[in-house]
Amino acid sequence: MNIKRKTKKFEQLKEIINKYYGIDCVKFCRERRYIDARMVLYKILRDLKFSYNDIGNFVNKNHSTIINAVSKFEAYVDYEPNLLMAYQDISDIYLAATDKNPIFFMRNEELVSHIISLEKQNKYLHLTNTELNFSLNKYKIKYGGIINALERISETKRKEVIEDIEYKLKNILNEIRIV
């Protein structure tokens, strides 16, 4: 890819990121939103097959700074849902604006690897969902009486019904303490 095309892609992406965050993402600043914006910029450029040196040249940084930022992005994205959401939003906006999705330029081996990775993620999410449903059902069985009693309290204003519900709640809580 020639330097003119790379520069155009870089400028388009930078403009999208600047609008998304409301900042100049290549300006030196250590505020979290500037750091996040730069990490998203570097990661998307890497997704577009830019070299670390090319990215560094565009933002006047050393290639090792870019490598560090991309690796931190990959670590942070697991714990920062806003960073992941920004990356996905900006990627979608950029790809829609340029009509070029990197998946169309992947080799078969890369696509197969990507599919296998997605299948693993899908299995993991399914397993996690199953475990959460099991836990939820377990708590519904264990604390269902309390939930029902609380719902009945909120539905009624009659003193005798409230006293009856309070009595039942005390019994349920005593049973929980015994177990």
N, C-alpha and C. Protein backbone atom coordinates (compact mmCIF):
# COMPACT_ATOMS: atom_id res chain seq x y z
N MET A 1 0.86 -1.17 0.00
CA MET A 1 0.00 0.00 0.00
C MET A 1 0.90 1.23 0.00
N ASN A 2 0.62 2.17 -0.88
CA ASN A 2 1.50 3.34 -0.95
C ASN A 2 1.21 4.32 0.17
N ILE A 3 2.16 5.24 0.36
CA ILE A 3 2.10 6.16 1.49
C ILE A 3 0.90 7.10 1.39
N LYS A 4 0.50 7.45 0.16
CA LYS A 4 -0.64 8.35 -0.04
C LYS A 4 -1.94 7.69 0.46
N ARG A 5 -2.12 6.43 0.12
CA ARG A 5 -3.31 5.70 0.56
C ARG A 5 -3.30 5.50 2.07
N LYS A 6 -2.13 5.19 2.61
CA LYS A 6 -2.02 5.02 4.06
C LYS A 6 -2.33 6.32 4.78
N THR A 7 -1.82 7.42 4.25
CA THR A 7 -2.07 8.72 4.87
C THR A 7 -3.55 9.05 4.84
N LYS A 8 -4.21 8.75 3.73
CA LYS A 8 -5.64 9.01 3.62
C LYS A 8 -6.42 8.18 4.64
N LYS A 9 -6.08 6.90 4.76
CA LYS A 9 -6.76 6.03 5.74
C LYS A 9 -6.53 6.53 7.15
N PHE A 10 -5.28 6.91 7.44
CA PHE A 10 -4.95 7.41 8.76
C PHE A 10 -5.76 8.66 9.08
N GLU A 11 -5.81 9.60 8.16
CA GLU A 11 -6.54 10.86 8.37
C GLU A 11 -8.04 10.62 8.56
N GLN A 12 -8.62 9.69 7.77
CA GLN A 12 -10.04 9.37 7.92
C GLN A 12 -10.32 8.80 9.30
N LEU A 13 -9.51 7.86 9.71
CA LEU A 13 -9.70 7.23 11.01
C LEU A 13 -9.49 8.22 12.15
N LYS A 14 -8.45 9.03 12.03
CA LYS A 14 -8.17 10.04 13.06
C LYS A 14 -9.35 11.00 13.20
N GLU A 15 -9.93 11.42 12.09
CA GLU A 15 -11.07 12.33 12.13
C GLU A 15 -12.27 11.68 12.82
N ILE A 16 -12.53 10.41 12.54
CA ILE A 16 -13.64 9.69 13.19
C ILE A 16 -13.41 9.60 14.70
N ILE A 17 -12.19 9.26 15.09
CA ILE A 17 -11.87 9.14 16.51
C ILE A 17 -11.97 10.49 17.21
N ASN A 18 -11.48 11.54 16.55
CA ASN A 18 -11.56 12.88 17.13
C ASN A 18 -13.01 13.30 17.36
N LYS A 19 -13.88 13.01 16.41
CA LYS A 19 -15.29 13.34 16.57
C LYS A 19 -15.93 12.49 17.66
N TYR A 20 -15.59 11.22 17.69
CA TYR A 20 -16.16 10.30 18.68
C TYR A 20 -15.82 10.74 20.09
N TYR A 21 -14.55 11.06 20.34
CA TYR A 21 -14.11 11.43 21.68
C TYR A 21 -14.21 12.93 21.94
N GLY A 22 -14.36 13.73 20.88
CA GLY A 22 -14.41 15.19 21.04
C GLY A 22 -13.07 15.79 21.42
N ILE A 23 -11.99 15.20 20.90
CA ILE A 23 -10.63 15.64 21.22
C ILE A 23 -9.75 15.53 19.97
N ASP A 24 -8.50 15.97 20.11
CA ASP A 24 -7.49 15.70 19.08
C ASP A 24 -6.66 14.53 19.61
N CYS A 25 -6.89 13.35 19.07
CA CYS A 25 -6.33 12.13 19.65
C CYS A 25 -4.80 12.05 19.57
N VAL A 26 -4.16 12.78 18.67
CA VAL A 26 -2.70 12.70 18.59
C VAL A 26 -2.02 13.78 19.42
N LYS A 27 -2.79 14.65 20.06
CA LYS A 27 -2.24 15.66 20.95
C LYS A 27 -1.66 14.96 22.18
N PHE A 28 -0.51 15.42 22.63
CA PHE A 28 0.08 14.82 23.82
C PHE A 28 -0.71 15.25 25.04
N CYS A 29 -1.32 14.29 25.69
CA CYS A 29 -2.07 14.52 26.91
C CYS A 29 -2.23 13.17 27.60
N ARG A 30 -2.14 13.18 28.91
CA ARG A 30 -2.23 11.92 29.66
C ARG A 30 -3.60 11.68 30.28
N GLU A 31 -4.59 12.42 29.86
CA GLU A 31 -5.95 12.15 30.34
C GLU A 31 -6.41 10.81 29.76
N ARG A 32 -7.24 10.13 30.52
CA ARG A 32 -7.70 8.78 30.14
C ARG A 32 -8.33 8.75 28.76
N ARG A 33 -9.16 9.74 28.42
CA ARG A 33 -9.83 9.70 27.11
C ARG A 33 -8.84 9.86 25.97
N TYR A 34 -7.77 10.62 26.16
CA TYR A 34 -6.75 10.75 25.12
C TYR A 34 -6.00 9.43 24.94
N ILE A 35 -5.67 8.82 26.06
CA ILE A 35 -4.96 7.53 26.01
C ILE A 35 -5.83 6.48 25.33
N ASP A 36 -7.11 6.41 25.74
CA ASP A 36 -8.03 5.45 25.12
C ASP A 36 -8.17 5.70 23.63
N ALA A 37 -8.31 6.98 23.26
CA ALA A 37 -8.46 7.32 21.83
C ALA A 37 -7.24 6.87 21.04
N ARG A 38 -6.06 7.10 21.59
CA ARG A 38 -4.84 6.68 20.88
C ARG A 38 -4.75 5.16 20.79
N MET A 39 -5.10 4.47 21.87
CA MET A 39 -5.05 3.00 21.82
C MET A 39 -6.01 2.47 20.75
N VAL A 40 -7.21 3.05 20.67
CA VAL A 40 -8.17 2.63 19.65
C VAL A 40 -7.61 2.92 18.25
N LEU A 41 -7.02 4.10 18.08
CA LEU A 41 -6.42 4.46 16.79
C LEU A 41 -5.36 3.44 16.39
N TYR A 42 -4.44 3.15 17.29
CA TYR A 42 -3.36 2.21 16.98
C TYR A 42 -3.90 0.82 16.69
N LYS A 43 -4.86 0.37 17.47
CA LYS A 43 -5.40 -0.98 17.30
C LYS A 43 -6.11 -1.12 15.95
N ILE A 44 -6.91 -0.13 15.58
CA ILE A 44 -7.61 -0.21 14.30
C ILE A 44 -6.61 -0.15 13.15
N LEU A 45 -5.60 0.69 13.27
CA LEU A 45 -4.57 0.74 12.22
C LEU A 45 -3.84 -0.61 12.10
N ARG A 46 -3.58 -1.25 13.22
CA ARG A 46 -2.97 -2.59 13.17
C ARG A 46 -3.91 -3.58 12.51
N ASP A 47 -5.22 -3.48 12.80
CA ASP A 47 -6.21 -4.34 12.16
C ASP A 47 -6.20 -4.15 10.64
N LEU A 48 -5.87 -2.92 10.22
CA LEU A 48 -5.81 -2.60 8.80
C LEU A 48 -4.46 -2.94 8.18
N LYS A 49 -3.63 -3.66 8.93
CA LYS A 49 -2.33 -4.16 8.48
C LYS A 49 -1.26 -3.07 8.35
N PHE A 50 -1.41 -1.97 9.10
CA PHE A 50 -0.34 -0.97 9.16
C PHE A 50 0.77 -1.54 10.03
N SER A 51 2.01 -1.26 9.69
CA SER A 51 3.12 -1.71 10.52
C SER A 51 3.26 -0.79 11.72
N TYR A 52 3.93 -1.26 12.75
CA TYR A 52 4.16 -0.44 13.93
C TYR A 52 4.96 0.81 13.56
N ASN A 53 5.93 0.66 12.67
CA ASN A 53 6.73 1.80 12.23
C ASN A 53 5.87 2.83 11.51
N ASP A 54 4.98 2.37 10.62
CA ASP A 54 4.11 3.30 9.90
C ASP A 54 3.22 4.08 10.86
N ILE A 55 2.64 3.38 11.81
CA ILE A 55 1.77 4.05 12.79
C ILE A 55 2.59 5.07 13.59
N GLY A 56 3.77 4.64 14.03
CA GLY A 56 4.64 5.54 14.78
C GLY A 56 5.01 6.78 13.99
N ASN A 57 5.28 6.61 12.70
CA ASN A 57 5.61 7.76 11.86
C ASN A 57 4.44 8.73 11.75
N PHE A 58 3.21 8.22 11.65
CA PHE A 58 2.04 9.09 11.52
C PHE A 58 1.80 9.92 12.78
N VAL A 59 2.11 9.36 13.94
CA VAL A 59 1.82 10.06 15.20
C VAL A 59 3.08 10.58 15.90
N ASN A 60 4.22 10.52 15.21
CA ASN A 60 5.51 10.98 15.75
C ASN A 60 5.87 10.29 17.06
N LYS A 61 5.74 8.97 17.05
CA LYS A 61 6.11 8.15 18.21
C LYS A 61 7.02 7.02 17.73
N ASN A 62 7.74 6.46 18.66
CA ASN A 62 8.58 5.31 18.38
C ASN A 62 7.70 4.08 18.20
N HIS A 63 8.13 3.14 17.36
CA HIS A 63 7.34 1.93 17.12
C HIS A 63 7.11 1.14 18.41
N SER A 64 8.05 1.20 19.36
CA SER A 64 7.88 0.46 20.61
C SER A 64 6.74 1.04 21.45
N THR A 65 6.50 2.33 21.33
CA THR A 65 5.37 2.96 22.01
C THR A 65 4.06 2.40 21.47
N ILE A 66 4.01 2.21 20.16
CA ILE A 66 2.81 1.68 19.51
C ILE A 66 2.60 0.23 19.93
N ILE A 67 3.67 -0.55 19.93
CA ILE A 67 3.57 -1.96 20.35
C ILE A 67 3.03 -2.04 21.79
N ASN A 68 3.57 -1.20 22.66
CA ASN A 68 3.13 -1.18 24.06
C ASN A 68 1.65 -0.80 24.16
N ALA A 69 1.23 0.21 23.43
CA ALA A 69 -0.16 0.68 23.49
C ALA A 69 -1.12 -0.40 22.98
N VAL A 70 -0.75 -1.08 21.89
CA VAL A 70 -1.62 -2.12 21.34
C VAL A 70 -1.72 -3.29 22.32
N SER A 71 -0.61 -3.66 22.94
CA SER A 71 -0.67 -4.77 23.91
C SER A 71 -1.47 -4.37 25.15
N LYS A 72 -1.36 -3.12 25.57
CA LYS A 72 -2.17 -2.65 26.71
C LYS A 72 -3.65 -2.62 26.33
N PHE A 73 -3.93 -2.21 25.10
CA PHE A 73 -5.33 -2.22 24.65
C PHE A 73 -5.90 -3.63 24.79
N GLU A 74 -5.16 -4.62 24.31
CA GLU A 74 -5.65 -6.00 24.35
C GLU A 74 -5.84 -6.49 25.78
N ALA A 75 -5.05 -5.96 26.72
CA ALA A 75 -5.21 -6.34 28.12
C ALA A 75 -6.37 -5.57 28.76
N TYR A 76 -6.48 -4.28 28.48
CA TYR A 76 -7.50 -3.44 29.09
C TYR A 76 -8.90 -3.76 28.59
N VAL A 77 -9.01 -4.17 27.36
CA VAL A 77 -10.33 -4.35 26.75
C VAL A 77 -11.16 -5.39 27.50
N ASP A 78 -10.51 -6.32 28.18
CA ASP A 78 -11.23 -7.32 28.97
C ASP A 78 -11.88 -6.71 30.21
N TYR A 79 -11.32 -5.60 30.71
CA TYR A 79 -11.80 -5.00 31.95
C TYR A 79 -12.46 -3.64 31.76
N GLU A 80 -12.36 -3.09 30.58
CA GLU A 80 -12.92 -1.77 30.29
C GLU A 80 -13.97 -1.88 29.19
N PRO A 81 -15.22 -2.11 29.54
CA PRO A 81 -16.25 -2.27 28.51
C PRO A 81 -16.43 -1.02 27.64
N ASN A 82 -16.16 0.17 28.21
CA ASN A 82 -16.29 1.39 27.41
C ASN A 82 -15.22 1.45 26.32
N LEU A 83 -14.04 0.95 26.61
CA LEU A 83 -12.97 0.93 25.61
C LEU A 83 -13.32 -0.02 24.48
N LEU A 84 -13.84 -1.19 24.83
CA LEU A 84 -14.26 -2.15 23.81
C LEU A 84 -15.39 -1.58 22.96
N MET A 85 -16.36 -0.94 23.62
CA MET A 85 -17.49 -0.37 22.89
C MET A 85 -17.01 0.74 21.94
N ALA A 86 -16.09 1.58 22.40
CA ALA A 86 -15.55 2.65 21.54
C ALA A 86 -14.82 2.05 20.34
N TYR A 87 -14.02 1.02 20.59
CA TYR A 87 -13.29 0.36 19.51
C TYR A 87 -14.26 -0.21 18.47
N GLN A 88 -15.29 -0.89 18.95
CA GLN A 88 -16.26 -1.49 18.03
C GLN A 88 -17.04 -0.42 17.26
N ASP A 89 -17.47 0.62 17.97
CA ASP A 89 -18.22 1.71 17.33
C ASP A 89 -17.37 2.40 16.26
N ILE A 90 -16.16 2.74 16.62
CA ILE A 90 -15.28 3.46 15.68
C ILE A 90 -14.93 2.57 14.51
N SER A 91 -14.65 1.29 14.76
CA SER A 91 -14.37 0.36 13.66
C SER A 91 -15.55 0.29 12.70
N ASP A 92 -16.75 0.17 13.26
CA ASP A 92 -17.95 0.10 12.42
C ASP A 92 -18.14 1.37 11.61
N ILE A 93 -17.95 2.52 12.25
CA ILE A 93 -18.10 3.80 11.54
C ILE A 93 -17.07 3.91 10.43
N TYR A 94 -15.83 3.56 10.74
CA TYR A 94 -14.77 3.65 9.73
C TYR A 94 -15.04 2.71 8.56
N LEU A 95 -15.38 1.48 8.87
CA LEU A 95 -15.62 0.50 7.81
C LEU A 95 -16.83 0.88 6.96
N ALA A 96 -17.86 1.44 7.59
CA ALA A 96 -19.03 1.88 6.83
C ALA A 96 -18.67 3.06 5.94
N ALA A 97 -17.81 3.94 6.44
CA ALA A 97 -17.42 5.13 5.68
C ALA A 97 -16.51 4.78 4.50
N THR A 98 -15.73 3.72 4.63
CA THR A 98 -14.76 3.38 3.59
C THR A 98 -15.19 2.19 2.74
N ASP A 99 -16.26 1.51 3.14
CA ASP A 99 -16.72 0.32 2.42
C ASP A 99 -15.64 -0.75 2.29
N LYS A 100 -14.77 -0.83 3.29
CA LYS A 100 -13.71 -1.83 3.26
C LYS A 100 -13.66 -2.52 4.61
N ASN A 101 -14.10 -3.73 4.64
CA ASN A 101 -14.04 -4.52 5.85
C ASN A 101 -12.81 -5.41 5.77
N PRO A 102 -11.94 -5.38 6.78
CA PRO A 102 -10.70 -6.16 6.72
C PRO A 102 -10.93 -7.66 6.53
N ILE A 103 -12.11 -8.15 6.88
CA ILE A 103 -12.37 -9.58 6.74
C ILE A 103 -12.30 -10.01 5.28
N PHE A 104 -12.61 -9.09 4.37
CA PHE A 104 -12.56 -9.41 2.95
C PHE A 104 -11.13 -9.58 2.45
N PHE A 105 -10.18 -9.08 3.20
CA PHE A 105 -8.78 -9.13 2.78
C PHE A 105 -7.98 -10.18 3.53
N MET A 106 -8.66 -10.95 4.37
CA MET A 106 -7.97 -11.99 5.14
C MET A 106 -7.74 -13.24 4.28
N ARG A 107 -6.64 -13.88 4.56
CA ARG A 107 -6.36 -15.16 3.90
C ARG A 107 -7.21 -16.24 4.55
N ASN A 108 -7.36 -17.36 3.86
CA ASN A 108 -8.19 -18.46 4.38
C ASN A 108 -7.72 -18.91 5.76
N GLU A 109 -6.41 -19.00 5.95
CA GLU A 109 -5.88 -19.45 7.24
C GLU A 109 -6.30 -18.49 8.35
N GLU A 110 -6.27 -17.18 8.05
CA GLU A 110 -6.66 -16.19 9.05
C GLU A 110 -8.15 -16.29 9.35
N LEU A 111 -8.95 -16.50 8.32
CA LEU A 111 -10.39 -16.64 8.52
C LEU A 111 -10.71 -17.87 9.36
N VAL A 112 -10.06 -18.99 9.04
CA VAL A 112 -10.29 -20.22 9.80
C VAL A 112 -9.89 -20.01 11.26
N SER A 113 -8.76 -19.38 11.48
CA SER A 113 -8.30 -19.10 12.84
C SER A 113 -9.29 -18.20 13.57
N HIS A 114 -9.80 -17.21 12.87
CA HIS A 114 -10.78 -16.28 13.44
C HIS A 114 -12.07 -17.03 13.79
N ILE A 115 -12.53 -17.89 12.92
CA ILE A 115 -13.75 -18.67 13.17
C ILE A 115 -13.56 -19.59 14.36
N ILE A 116 -12.42 -20.25 14.45
CA ILE A 116 -12.15 -21.15 15.58
C ILE A 116 -12.16 -20.35 16.89
N SER A 117 -11.54 -19.18 16.86
CA SER A 117 -11.52 -18.32 18.04
C SER A 117 -12.94 -17.91 18.44
N LEU A 118 -13.76 -17.55 17.47
CA LEU A 118 -15.14 -17.16 17.76
C LEU A 118 -15.95 -18.34 18.29
N GLU A 119 -15.70 -19.53 17.76
CA GLU A 119 -16.40 -20.72 18.26
C GLU A 119 -16.03 -20.99 19.72
N LYS A 120 -14.75 -20.82 20.05
CA LYS A 120 -14.32 -21.01 21.44
C LYS A 120 -14.98 -19.99 22.35
N GLN A 121 -15.02 -18.74 21.90
CA GLN A 121 -15.67 -17.69 22.69
C GLN A 121 -17.15 -18.01 22.88
N ASN A 122 -17.78 -18.50 21.82
CA ASN A 122 -19.20 -18.84 21.88
C ASN A 122 -19.44 -19.97 22.89
N LYS A 123 -18.59 -21.00 22.86
CA LYS A 123 -18.74 -22.11 23.81
C LYS A 123 -18.54 -21.63 25.24
N TYR A 124 -17.54 -20.78 25.44
CA TYR A 124 -17.27 -20.24 26.78
C TYR A 124 -18.46 -19.42 27.27
N LEU A 125 -19.00 -18.57 26.41
CA LEU A 125 -20.15 -17.75 26.80
C LEU A 125 -21.38 -18.62 27.09
N HIS A 126 -21.57 -19.66 26.30
CA HIS A 126 -22.69 -20.57 26.53
C HIS A 126 -22.54 -21.27 27.88
N LEU A 127 -21.35 -21.73 28.18
CA LEU A 127 -21.09 -22.40 29.45
C LEU A 127 -21.30 -21.43 30.62
N THR A 128 -20.80 -20.23 30.48
CA THR A 128 -20.98 -19.22 31.52
C THR A 128 -22.46 -18.91 31.72
N ASN A 129 -23.20 -18.79 30.63
CA ASN A 129 -24.63 -18.52 30.70
C ASN A 129 -25.36 -19.67 31.41
N THR A 130 -25.00 -20.90 31.09
CA THR A 130 -25.61 -22.06 31.73
C THR A 130 -25.33 -22.06 33.23
N GLU A 131 -24.09 -21.76 33.61
CA GLU A 131 -23.73 -21.71 35.03
C GLU A 131 -24.51 -20.61 35.75
N LEU A 132 -24.65 -19.46 35.12
CA LEU A 132 -25.38 -18.36 35.74
C LEU A 132 -26.86 -18.71 35.90
N ASN A 133 -27.44 -19.34 34.90
CA ASN A 133 -28.84 -19.77 35.01
C ASN A 133 -29.03 -20.78 36.12
N PHE A 134 -28.08 -21.71 36.25
CA PHE A 134 -28.13 -22.70 37.32
C PHE A 134 -28.09 -22.00 38.68
N SER A 135 -27.17 -21.04 38.84
CA SER A 135 -27.07 -20.30 40.10
C SER A 135 -28.33 -19.51 40.38
N LEU A 136 -28.87 -18.87 39.34
CA LEU A 136 -30.10 -18.10 39.50
C LEU A 136 -31.24 -18.99 39.97
N ASN A 137 -31.39 -20.15 39.35
CA ASN A 137 -32.46 -21.07 39.76
C ASN A 137 -32.26 -21.56 41.18
N LYS A 138 -31.01 -21.80 41.55
CA LYS A 138 -30.70 -22.24 42.90
C LYS A 138 -31.12 -21.18 43.92
N TYR A 139 -30.83 -19.92 43.61
CA TYR A 139 -31.21 -18.84 44.52
C TYR A 139 -32.72 -18.60 44.51
N LYS A 140 -33.35 -18.80 43.38
CA LYS A 140 -34.81 -18.66 43.33
C LYS A 140 -35.46 -19.70 44.23
N ILE A 141 -34.94 -20.93 44.22
CA ILE A 141 -35.49 -21.99 45.07
C ILE A 141 -35.23 -21.65 46.54
N LYS A 142 -34.01 -21.22 46.83
CA LYS A 142 -33.63 -20.97 48.21
C LYS A 142 -34.33 -19.74 48.79
N TYR A 143 -34.45 -18.67 47.99
CA TYR A 143 -34.99 -17.42 48.49
C TYR A 143 -36.33 -17.03 47.86
N GLY A 144 -36.96 -17.97 47.16
CA GLY A 144 -38.24 -17.68 46.52
C GLY A 144 -39.31 -17.23 47.48
N GLY A 145 -39.32 -17.84 48.67
CA GLY A 145 -40.31 -17.46 49.67
C GLY A 145 -40.15 -16.01 50.10
N ILE A 146 -38.92 -15.58 50.26
CA ILE A 146 -38.68 -14.19 50.65
C ILE A 146 -39.12 -13.25 49.54
N ILE A 147 -38.78 -13.58 48.33
CA ILE A 147 -39.16 -12.74 47.18
C ILE A 147 -40.68 -12.62 47.09
N ASN A 148 -41.36 -13.76 47.20
CA ASN A 148 -42.83 -13.72 47.14
C ASN A 148 -43.42 -12.89 48.27
N ALA A 149 -42.86 -13.04 49.46
CA ALA A 149 -43.37 -12.29 50.61
C ALA A 149 -43.15 -10.79 50.41
N LEU A 150 -41.99 -10.42 49.92
CA LEU A 150 -41.72 -9.01 49.67
C LEU A 150 -42.64 -8.44 48.60
N GLU A 151 -42.93 -9.22 47.60
CA GLU A 151 -43.85 -8.77 46.56
C GLU A 151 -45.25 -8.58 47.13
N ARG A 152 -45.65 -9.48 48.01
CA ARG A 152 -46.98 -9.36 48.63
C ARG A 152 -47.05 -8.13 49.53
N ILE A 153 -45.96 -7.82 50.23
CA ILE A 153 -45.94 -6.64 51.09
C ILE A 153 -46.15 -5.39 50.26
N SER A 154 -45.47 -5.31 49.14
CA SER A 154 -45.59 -4.11 48.31
C SER A 154 -46.97 -3.98 47.69
N GLU A 155 -47.70 -5.09 47.58
CA GLU A 155 -49.03 -5.07 46.96
C GLU A 155 -50.14 -4.74 47.95
N THR A 156 -49.88 -4.86 49.23
CA THR A 156 -50.97 -4.70 50.20
C THR A 156 -50.67 -3.59 51.20
N LYS A 157 -51.73 -3.09 51.77
CA LYS A 157 -51.61 -2.07 52.81
C LYS A 157 -52.27 -2.54 54.11
N ARG A 158 -52.90 -3.72 54.10
CA ARG A 158 -53.63 -4.21 55.26
C ARG A 158 -52.66 -4.71 56.33
N LYS A 159 -52.89 -4.27 57.56
CA LYS A 159 -51.99 -4.56 58.67
C LYS A 159 -51.89 -6.06 58.97
N GLU A 160 -53.00 -6.78 58.94
CA GLU A 160 -52.95 -8.21 59.29
C GLU A 160 -52.18 -9.02 58.25
N VAL A 161 -52.29 -8.62 56.98
CA VAL A 161 -51.55 -9.32 55.93
C VAL A 161 -50.05 -9.05 56.10
N ILE A 162 -49.69 -7.81 56.39
CA ILE A 162 -48.28 -7.46 56.59
C ILE A 162 -47.71 -8.23 57.78
N GLU A 163 -48.48 -8.32 58.88
CA GLU A 163 -48.01 -9.07 60.05
C GLU A 163 -47.82 -10.54 59.71
N ASP A 164 -48.73 -11.11 58.92
CA ASP A 164 -48.62 -12.51 58.49
C ASP A 164 -47.36 -12.71 57.65
N ILE A 165 -47.11 -11.79 56.76
CA ILE A 165 -45.93 -11.89 55.89
C ILE A 165 -44.65 -11.74 56.72
N GLU A 166 -44.64 -10.81 57.68
CA GLU A 166 -43.47 -10.64 58.54
C GLU A 166 -43.19 -11.93 59.32
N TYR A 167 -44.25 -12.58 59.80
CA TYR A 167 -44.10 -13.83 60.53
C TYR A 167 -43.45 -14.90 59.62
N LYS A 168 -43.96 -15.01 58.39
CA LYS A 168 -43.41 -15.98 57.44
C LYS A 168 -41.96 -15.67 57.10
N LEU A 169 -41.65 -14.39 56.93
CA LEU A 169 -40.26 -14.01 56.63
C LEU A 169 -39.32 -14.40 57.78
N LYS A 170 -39.76 -14.16 59.01
CA LYS A 170 -38.93 -14.54 60.17
C LYS A 170 -38.67 -16.04 60.18
N ASN A 171 -39.69 -16.83 59.87
CA ASN A 171 -39.52 -18.29 59.82
C ASN A 171 -38.54 -18.69 58.72
N ILE A 172 -38.68 -18.06 57.57
CA ILE A 172 -37.77 -18.39 56.46
C ILE A 172 -36.34 -18.02 56.82
N LEU A 173 -36.16 -16.85 57.40
CA LEU A 173 -34.81 -16.42 57.79
C LEU A 173 -34.22 -17.33 58.86
N ASN A 174 -35.05 -17.77 59.80
CA ASN A 174 -34.57 -18.72 60.82
C ASN A 174 -34.13 -20.03 60.17
N GLU A 175 -34.86 -20.50 59.16
CA GLU A 175 -34.47 -21.72 58.45
C GLU A 175 -33.14 -21.55 57.75
N ILE A 176 -32.91 -20.37 57.17
CA ILE A 176 -31.64 -20.10 56.48
C ILE A 176 -30.49 -20.11 57.48
N ARG A 177 -30.69 -19.53 58.67
CA ARG A 177 -29.65 -19.50 59.68
C ARG A 177 -29.28 -20.90 60.16
N ILE A 178 -30.29 -21.78 60.24
CA ILE A 178 -30.06 -23.15 60.71
C ILE A 178 -29.19 -23.91 59.71
N VAL A 179 -29.43 -23.70 58.40
CA VAL A 179 -28.68 -24.39 57.36
C VAL A 179 -27.29 -23.88 57.33
